[in-house]
Amino acid sequence: MKLRVALTIAVLILSARLAAAEVVTWTVDGVKREAIIYVPKSPPPGKLPLVFSFHGHGDDMENFQYVGLQNVWPDAIVVYFQGLPSRDGYRGWQVEPGEYGDRDLKLVDAALAALKKAYNVDDGRIYATGFSNGAHFTYLLWATRPNVFAAFAPVAGRIRPAAMPKEPRPILIIGGARDAQVPFPDQRAAMSVAVRLNAVDGKTTSCGDGCTLYGGDTPAPVMTWIHQGGHEYPRPTSAKIAEFFHQHPKGE
């Protein structure tokens, strides 16, 4: 689903510290793949965190970049990938192992290898997030690439039975109670999977309106934020994701 992002003047005013964008391409199985990459203009000393971000079905990287992860975490490298046409002709992502010849898992592998060569990437701070179909793919990355990513943050997504994760990882799950596009019971089921797999059931604390933290003192906590909207990416979402990622490097 294409995400419409409302912008304010404040979001458009970038300081010298914020990242500069460029379009990067890779060839994967003979197919040109693209992403918009934001790299800190004045990076802090040491290695840099890396965030992979995936748009919804029918959306594109040009539109989805305006969720502004690069603004709320200017010290990170942020990558907005471009999906390829799905069976219905709209851009999207695979959601199960083997689908579309694993074209998108291969893209992630190729992009990660190239970015590690080009930038001083921190292997302990690599993250994945996505909206809707991009969230489904984020869950697939949890299932198939758990050792690559330190934490995950799917927004308005579901877990497919063929893409069930098996290794605990920190995860922030965001969903709308009135979502009809990806039915909220499916999103709630994904939250239950995460809580069970990460063994944090019953260890809950409140982290704000609609926000629950399971196992906050464990290696693989689950944070859920259930807002009262529908199939959408609420304005505080990117800030919540950046904060959660920042607090959860690998192994801590």
Protein backbone atom coordinates (compact mmCIF):
# COMPACT_ATOMS: atom_id res chain seq x y z
CA MET A 1 0.00 0.00 0.00
CA LYS A 2 1.35 3.41 -0.94
CA LEU A 3 2.05 5.57 2.06
CA ARG A 4 1.12 9.23 1.93
CA VAL A 5 3.36 11.24 4.21
CA ALA A 6 2.42 14.69 5.43
CA LEU A 7 5.39 17.00 5.67
CA THR A 8 5.85 20.07 7.80
CA ILE A 9 8.24 22.92 7.14
CA ALA A 10 10.30 21.83 10.12
CA VAL A 11 10.96 18.45 8.56
CA LEU A 12 12.23 20.07 5.40
CA ILE A 13 14.80 22.24 7.15
CA LEU A 14 17.92 20.10 7.28
CA SER A 15 20.90 21.11 9.34
CA ALA A 16 24.48 20.61 8.20
CA ARG A 17 24.63 17.57 10.46
CA LEU A 18 21.90 15.69 8.62
CA ALA A 19 22.59 13.13 5.95
CA ALA A 20 22.98 13.71 2.23
CA ALA A 21 21.00 11.48 -0.14
CA GLU A 22 22.15 9.62 -3.22
CA VAL A 23 20.65 6.92 -5.43
CA VAL A 24 22.74 3.75 -5.53
CA THR A 25 22.23 0.77 -7.82
CA TRP A 26 23.27 -2.87 -7.72
CA THR A 27 22.80 -5.65 -10.26
CA VAL A 28 21.30 -8.76 -8.66
CA ASP A 29 20.70 -11.82 -10.86
CA GLY A 30 20.99 -9.56 -13.88
CA VAL A 31 18.34 -7.12 -12.60
CA LYS A 32 19.03 -3.49 -11.71
CA ARG A 33 18.09 -2.77 -8.10
CA GLU A 34 17.99 0.70 -6.55
CA ALA A 35 17.97 2.44 -3.20
CA ILE A 36 18.15 5.95 -1.82
CA ILE A 37 20.91 6.11 0.75
CA TYR A 38 21.39 8.79 3.38
CA VAL A 39 24.90 8.98 4.82
CA PRO A 40 25.80 11.36 7.68
CA LYS A 41 27.48 14.50 6.37
CA SER A 42 29.56 14.80 9.53
CA PRO A 43 29.73 11.27 10.91
CA PRO A 44 30.71 10.76 14.54
CA PRO A 45 33.93 8.90 15.31
CA GLY A 46 33.82 5.14 14.99
CA LYS A 47 31.60 2.80 13.08
CA LEU A 48 28.14 3.76 11.84
CA PRO A 49 24.77 2.11 12.43
CA LEU A 50 22.92 0.96 9.31
CA VAL A 51 19.13 0.92 8.85
CA PHE A 52 17.40 -0.92 5.99
CA SER A 53 13.89 0.41 5.26
CA PHE A 54 11.25 -1.14 2.98
CA HIS A 55 8.18 0.64 1.57
CA GLY A 56 4.66 -0.76 1.31
CA HIS A 57 3.06 -2.49 -1.66
CA GLY A 58 2.59 -0.06 -4.55
CA ASP A 59 4.81 2.59 -2.99
CA ASP A 60 8.35 3.58 -3.96
CA MET A 61 11.59 4.73 -2.37
CA GLU A 62 11.09 8.36 -3.44
CA ASN A 63 7.88 8.64 -1.45
CA PHE A 64 8.84 6.46 1.48
CA GLN A 65 12.02 8.38 2.26
CA TYR A 66 9.80 11.09 3.72
CA VAL A 67 9.09 8.99 6.79
CA GLY A 68 12.30 10.70 7.84
CA LEU A 69 14.37 8.06 9.62
CA GLN A 70 17.44 9.97 8.45
CA ASN A 71 16.18 13.05 10.29
CA VAL A 72 15.53 11.39 13.64
CA TRP A 73 18.78 9.38 13.52
CA PRO A 74 21.22 11.56 11.58
CA ASP A 75 24.26 9.55 12.73
CA ALA A 76 23.02 6.40 10.97
CA ILE A 77 23.25 5.28 7.35
CA VAL A 78 19.63 4.89 6.21
CA VAL A 79 18.76 2.92 3.08
CA TYR A 80 15.34 3.14 1.40
CA PHE A 81 15.09 0.24 -1.05
CA GLN A 82 13.01 0.18 -4.22
CA GLY A 83 10.78 -2.86 -4.66
CA LEU A 84 10.20 -4.64 -7.96
CA PRO A 85 6.83 -5.28 -9.62
CA SER A 86 4.85 -8.07 -7.98
CA ARG A 87 2.35 -10.35 -9.71
CA ASP A 88 -0.21 -7.55 -9.83
CA GLY A 89 2.29 -5.14 -11.39
CA TYR A 90 2.74 -2.99 -8.28
CA ARG A 91 6.09 -2.69 -6.54
CA GLY A 92 6.61 -4.86 -3.52
CA TRP A 93 8.62 -7.49 -1.68
CA GLN A 94 8.71 -11.22 -1.28
CA VAL A 95 7.10 -12.42 1.93
CA GLU A 96 8.10 -16.10 1.99
CA PRO A 97 11.35 -17.99 1.39
CA GLY A 98 11.82 -18.85 -2.29
CA GLU A 99 9.16 -16.45 -3.56
CA TYR A 100 10.22 -14.58 -6.74
CA GLY A 101 13.46 -16.57 -6.68
CA ASP A 102 14.44 -14.90 -3.39
CA ARG A 103 15.10 -11.71 -5.34
CA ASP A 104 14.76 -9.46 -2.30
CA LEU A 105 16.78 -11.57 0.10
CA LYS A 106 19.52 -11.58 -2.55
CA LEU A 107 19.19 -7.78 -2.80
CA VAL A 108 19.71 -7.41 0.96
CA ASP A 109 22.77 -9.68 0.83
CA ALA A 110 24.29 -7.80 -2.12
CA ALA A 111 23.56 -4.37 -0.70
CA LEU A 112 24.96 -5.25 2.71
CA ALA A 113 28.20 -6.57 1.21
CA ALA A 114 28.62 -3.45 -0.93
CA LEU A 115 27.80 -1.02 1.87
CA LYS A 116 30.29 -2.68 4.20
CA LYS A 117 32.98 -2.09 1.57
CA ALA A 118 31.95 1.53 1.00
CA TYR A 119 31.34 2.66 4.58
CA ASN A 120 32.54 2.00 8.12
CA VAL A 121 29.46 -0.06 9.09
CA ASP A 122 29.04 -1.34 12.63
CA ASP A 123 28.22 -5.06 12.34
CA GLY A 124 26.56 -4.90 15.75
CA ARG A 125 24.14 -2.14 14.73
CA ILE A 126 22.41 -3.24 11.54
CA TYR A 127 18.60 -2.94 11.59
CA ALA A 128 15.54 -3.60 9.41
CA THR A 129 12.17 -1.90 9.31
CA GLY A 130 9.29 -1.69 6.87
CA PHE A 131 5.66 -0.72 6.39
CA SER A 132 2.85 -3.08 5.34
CA ASN A 133 4.30 -5.38 2.63
CA GLY A 134 7.69 -4.01 3.70
CA ALA A 135 6.84 -5.13 7.25
CA HIS A 136 6.04 -8.63 5.96
CA PHE A 137 9.49 -8.65 4.39
CA THR A 138 11.00 -7.40 7.65
CA TYR A 139 9.52 -10.43 9.40
CA LEU A 140 10.99 -12.62 6.64
CA LEU A 141 14.42 -11.11 7.34
CA TRP A 142 13.97 -12.01 11.01
CA ALA A 143 13.23 -15.59 9.94
CA THR A 144 16.02 -15.94 7.37
CA ARG A 145 18.74 -13.46 8.40
CA PRO A 146 18.53 -13.32 12.21
CA ASN A 147 22.29 -13.14 12.66
CA VAL A 148 22.64 -10.14 10.35
CA PHE A 149 20.32 -7.75 12.17
CA ALA A 150 20.48 -6.50 15.73
CA ALA A 151 16.77 -5.62 15.91
CA PHE A 152 13.63 -5.26 13.79
CA ALA A 153 10.69 -2.84 13.56
CA PRO A 154 7.75 -3.93 11.37
CA VAL A 155 4.86 -1.48 10.99
CA ALA A 156 1.40 -2.83 10.03
CA GLY A 157 2.66 -6.29 9.11
CA ARG A 158 1.95 -9.98 9.55
CA ILE A 159 4.08 -13.12 9.78
CA ARG A 160 3.46 -15.76 7.12
CA PRO A 161 3.44 -19.40 8.34
CA ALA A 162 6.27 -20.21 5.90
CA ALA A 163 8.37 -17.36 7.32
CA MET A 164 8.21 -18.06 11.03
CA PRO A 165 11.24 -16.70 12.96
CA LYS A 166 13.11 -19.14 15.18
CA GLU A 167 15.71 -17.03 17.01
CA PRO A 168 14.91 -14.36 19.61
CA ARG A 169 15.72 -10.80 18.61
CA PRO A 170 14.71 -7.37 19.96
CA ILE A 171 11.68 -6.17 18.04
CA LEU A 172 9.36 -3.15 18.01
CA ILE A 173 5.97 -3.93 16.46
CA ILE A 174 3.60 -1.10 15.54
CA GLY A 175 -0.01 -1.60 14.46
CA GLY A 176 -3.32 0.18 14.11
CA ALA A 177 -6.32 -1.20 16.00
CA ARG A 178 -8.61 -0.16 13.12
CA ASP A 179 -6.43 -1.55 10.33
CA ALA A 180 -8.55 -3.27 7.68
CA GLN A 181 -5.80 -3.59 5.05
CA VAL A 182 -3.70 -5.94 7.17
CA PRO A 183 -6.32 -7.13 9.67
CA PHE A 184 -5.30 -6.21 13.19
CA PRO A 185 -5.88 -9.76 14.51
CA ASP A 186 -3.09 -10.88 12.15
CA GLN A 187 -0.83 -8.17 13.53
CA ARG A 188 -1.75 -9.14 17.08
CA ALA A 189 -0.86 -12.75 16.23
CA ALA A 190 2.60 -11.58 15.10
CA MET A 191 3.04 -9.79 18.42
CA SER A 192 2.14 -13.01 20.23
CA VAL A 193 4.70 -14.93 18.18
CA ALA A 194 7.39 -12.42 19.13
CA VAL A 195 6.49 -12.49 22.83
CA ARG A 196 6.47 -16.28 22.90
CA LEU A 197 9.68 -16.74 20.90
CA ASN A 198 11.56 -14.12 22.93
CA ALA A 199 10.27 -15.71 26.17
CA VAL A 200 9.04 -12.42 27.63
CA ASP A 201 5.38 -13.25 28.30
CA GLY A 202 4.18 -11.73 31.56
CA LYS A 203 7.16 -9.40 31.93
CA THR A 204 5.35 -6.21 30.95
CA THR A 205 5.70 -2.51 31.67
CA SER A 206 3.96 0.47 30.12
CA CYS A 207 6.02 2.62 27.75
CA GLY A 208 3.35 5.20 26.94
CA ASP A 209 -0.13 5.44 25.45
CA GLY A 210 -0.82 2.11 23.75
CA CYS A 211 2.79 1.05 24.23
CA THR A 212 3.81 -2.10 26.10
CA LEU A 213 7.35 -3.33 26.76
CA TYR A 214 7.80 -7.06 27.32
CA GLY A 215 11.01 -8.17 28.99
CA GLY A 216 12.70 -4.80 29.19
CA ASP A 217 15.66 -6.23 31.10
CA THR A 218 16.15 -9.22 28.78
CA PRO A 219 18.45 -9.59 25.74
CA ALA A 220 15.48 -9.76 23.34
CA PRO A 221 12.66 -7.47 24.49
CA VAL A 222 9.44 -6.97 22.56
CA MET A 223 7.91 -3.51 22.39
CA THR A 224 4.42 -3.10 20.93
CA TRP A 225 2.72 0.18 20.10
CA ILE A 226 -0.95 -0.17 19.23
CA HIS A 227 -2.39 3.12 18.00
CA GLN A 228 -6.07 3.76 17.33
CA GLY A 229 -5.70 4.47 13.61
CA GLY A 230 -5.93 2.25 10.56
CA HIS A 231 -3.40 1.17 7.96
CA GLU A 232 -1.00 4.06 8.42
CA TYR A 233 2.44 5.19 9.55
CA PRO A 234 1.70 7.63 12.39
CA ARG A 235 3.88 10.69 12.77
CA PRO A 236 5.85 9.51 15.87
CA THR A 237 6.71 6.17 14.25
CA SER A 238 10.18 6.93 12.91
CA ALA A 239 11.28 8.52 16.19
CA LYS A 240 10.09 5.46 18.12
CA ILE A 241 11.93 3.15 15.72
CA ALA A 242 15.16 5.14 15.90
CA GLU A 243 15.06 5.21 19.70
CA PHE A 244 14.41 1.46 19.92
CA PHE A 245 17.21 0.64 17.48
CA HIS A 246 19.61 2.99 19.24
CA GLN A 247 18.95 1.18 22.52
CA HIS A 248 19.47 -2.32 21.10
CA PRO A 249 22.83 -3.03 19.52
CA LYS A 250 23.57 -6.70 18.98
CA GLY A 251 24.33 -8.64 22.11
CA GLU A 252 23.22 -5.93 24.53
